[in-house]
Protein backbone atom coordinates (compact mmCIF):
# COMPACT_ATOMS: atom_id res chain seq x y z
CA MET A 1 -4.21 -6.23 23.33
CA ASN A 2 -2.75 -3.63 20.97
CA PRO A 3 -5.42 -2.40 18.48
CA TRP A 4 -2.80 -0.95 16.10
CA PHE A 5 -2.93 -3.82 13.60
CA ASN A 6 -6.73 -3.85 13.57
CA ARG A 7 -6.76 -0.10 12.86
CA LEU A 8 -4.26 -0.58 10.05
CA ALA A 9 -6.38 -3.34 8.53
CA SER A 10 -9.61 -1.34 8.92
CA ILE A 11 -8.25 1.86 7.41
CA SER A 12 -6.54 0.11 4.52
CA LEU A 13 -9.63 -2.02 3.76
CA VAL A 14 -11.96 1.00 3.63
CA SER A 15 -9.40 2.97 1.61
CA LEU A 16 -8.94 0.09 -0.83
CA LEU A 17 -12.70 -0.26 -1.23
CA LEU A 18 -13.11 3.45 -1.97
CA LEU A 19 -10.12 3.48 -4.30
CA CYS A 20 -11.45 0.56 -6.35
CA LEU A 21 -14.81 2.28 -6.77
CA ALA A 22 -13.40 5.71 -7.56
CA TRP A 23 -10.80 4.31 -9.95
CA GLU A 24 -13.22 2.36 -12.12
CA LEU A 25 -16.14 4.78 -11.95
CA TRP A 26 -14.58 8.27 -12.07
CA LEU A 27 -10.80 8.64 -11.92
CA ALA A 28 -9.52 6.42 -14.75
CA PRO A 29 -12.22 4.00 -15.97
CA LEU A 30 -11.56 1.69 -18.91
CA ARG A 31 -14.53 3.24 -20.71
CA PRO A 32 -15.95 6.76 -20.34
CA GLY A 33 -18.73 6.80 -17.77
CA GLY A 34 -17.33 3.89 -15.75
CA SER A 35 -16.74 0.23 -16.28
CA MET A 36 -17.93 -3.07 -14.89
CA LEU A 37 -14.48 -3.48 -13.35
CA ALA A 38 -15.91 -1.52 -10.41
CA LEU A 39 -17.40 -4.84 -9.33
CA LYS A 40 -13.94 -5.81 -8.13
CA ALA A 41 -14.82 -3.83 -4.99
CA LEU A 42 -17.61 -6.25 -4.04
CA PRO A 43 -15.38 -8.92 -2.46
CA LEU A 44 -14.02 -6.23 -0.15
CA LEU A 45 -17.49 -5.77 1.35
CA LEU A 46 -17.54 -9.36 2.65
CA PRO A 47 -14.92 -8.90 5.40
CA LEU A 48 -15.78 -5.27 6.19
CA PHE A 49 -17.81 -5.74 9.39
CA GLY A 50 -15.62 -8.56 10.69
CA ILE A 51 -12.50 -6.45 10.24
CA LEU A 52 -14.13 -3.41 11.86
CA ARG A 53 -15.16 -5.57 14.83
CA GLY A 54 -11.71 -7.13 15.16
CA LYS A 55 -12.68 -10.73 14.42
CA ARG A 56 -9.55 -12.87 14.23
CA TYR A 57 -10.91 -15.39 11.72
CA THR A 58 -11.97 -12.60 9.34
CA HIS A 59 -8.48 -11.13 9.51
CA GLN A 60 -6.99 -14.52 8.67
CA TRP A 61 -8.94 -15.10 5.46
CA THR A 62 -8.88 -11.45 4.42
CA SER A 63 -5.10 -11.63 4.30
CA MET A 64 -5.47 -14.13 1.45
CA LEU A 65 -8.04 -11.91 -0.30
CA ALA A 66 -5.64 -8.97 -0.10
CA LEU A 67 -3.09 -10.86 -2.17
CA ALA A 68 -5.44 -10.82 -5.17
CA TYR A 69 -5.51 -7.01 -5.01
CA VAL A 70 -1.72 -6.86 -4.64
CA THR A 71 -1.44 -8.98 -7.77
CA GLU A 72 -3.94 -6.91 -9.74
CA GLY A 73 -2.20 -3.70 -8.70
CA LEU A 74 1.20 -4.99 -9.78
CA VAL A 75 -0.09 -6.23 -13.13
CA ARG A 76 -1.89 -2.98 -13.91
CA ALA A 77 1.01 -0.85 -12.67
CA SER A 78 3.25 -2.55 -15.20
CA SER A 79 0.76 -2.56 -18.10
CA ASP A 80 -1.38 0.60 -17.74
CA GLN A 81 -0.35 4.16 -18.54
CA GLY A 82 -1.05 7.56 -17.01
CA ALA A 83 -3.34 8.00 -14.03
CA SER A 84 -4.30 4.34 -14.03
CA GLN A 85 -0.69 3.37 -13.40
CA GLY A 86 -0.50 5.60 -10.33
CA LEU A 87 -3.81 4.27 -9.04
CA ALA A 88 -2.52 0.73 -9.51
CA LEU A 89 0.53 1.51 -7.40
CA THR A 90 -1.73 2.99 -4.74
CA GLU A 91 -3.85 -0.17 -4.84
CA THR A 92 -0.72 -2.27 -4.38
CA VAL A 93 0.37 -0.25 -1.35
CA LEU A 94 -3.09 -0.33 0.27
CA ALA A 95 -3.49 -4.07 -0.34
CA THR A 96 -0.03 -4.71 1.11
CA LEU A 97 -0.94 -2.68 4.19
CA LEU A 98 -4.19 -4.64 4.48
CA PHE A 99 -2.24 -7.89 4.27
CA ALA A 100 0.22 -6.77 6.94
CA GLY A 101 -2.52 -5.45 9.23
CA CYS A 102 -4.53 -8.66 8.97
CA LEU A 103 -1.53 -10.89 9.64
CA GLY A 104 -0.39 -8.71 12.52
CA HIS A 105 -3.81 -8.73 14.15
CA ALA A 106 -4.17 -12.49 13.71
CA ARG A 107 -0.75 -13.02 15.27
CA VAL A 108 -1.35 -10.70 18.23
CA THR A 109 -4.73 -12.28 19.00
CA ALA A 110 -3.55 -15.89 18.65
CA PRO A 111 -4.75 -18.14 21.46
CA SER A 112 -1.19 -19.35 22.05
CA ARG A 113 -0.19 -15.75 22.85
CA ALA A 114 -2.82 -15.54 25.59
CA VAL A 115 -1.45 -18.67 27.25
CA LYS A 116 2.15 -17.41 27.13
CA SER A 117 1.24 -14.07 28.67
CA ALA A 118 -0.44 -15.83 31.61
CA ASP A 119 2.80 -17.65 32.56
């Protein structure tokens, strides 16, 4: 099994988690001193250990979670100004990489693939 997709998902998930926290607490918060929008990072903690351990089911449902971050990044990239706009584009890229890594890992580890390789 090729661990490339799992590494992509793991790195992008951790990066997205750190970006969400840094963005809303220090880099470009809505209010000085940070905002409650930093709580958007909490859902990313749910799949963290499953992704790091390479669990197929976790990769499957995390791909759907990643789409919410892609959407938020696109909306804020088109509506925010300055540093927040750049951070939103970064969020969009990281969430897209997370989506691709999760789908790739789920596809590579599919039970039907194991049967085909045995033939």
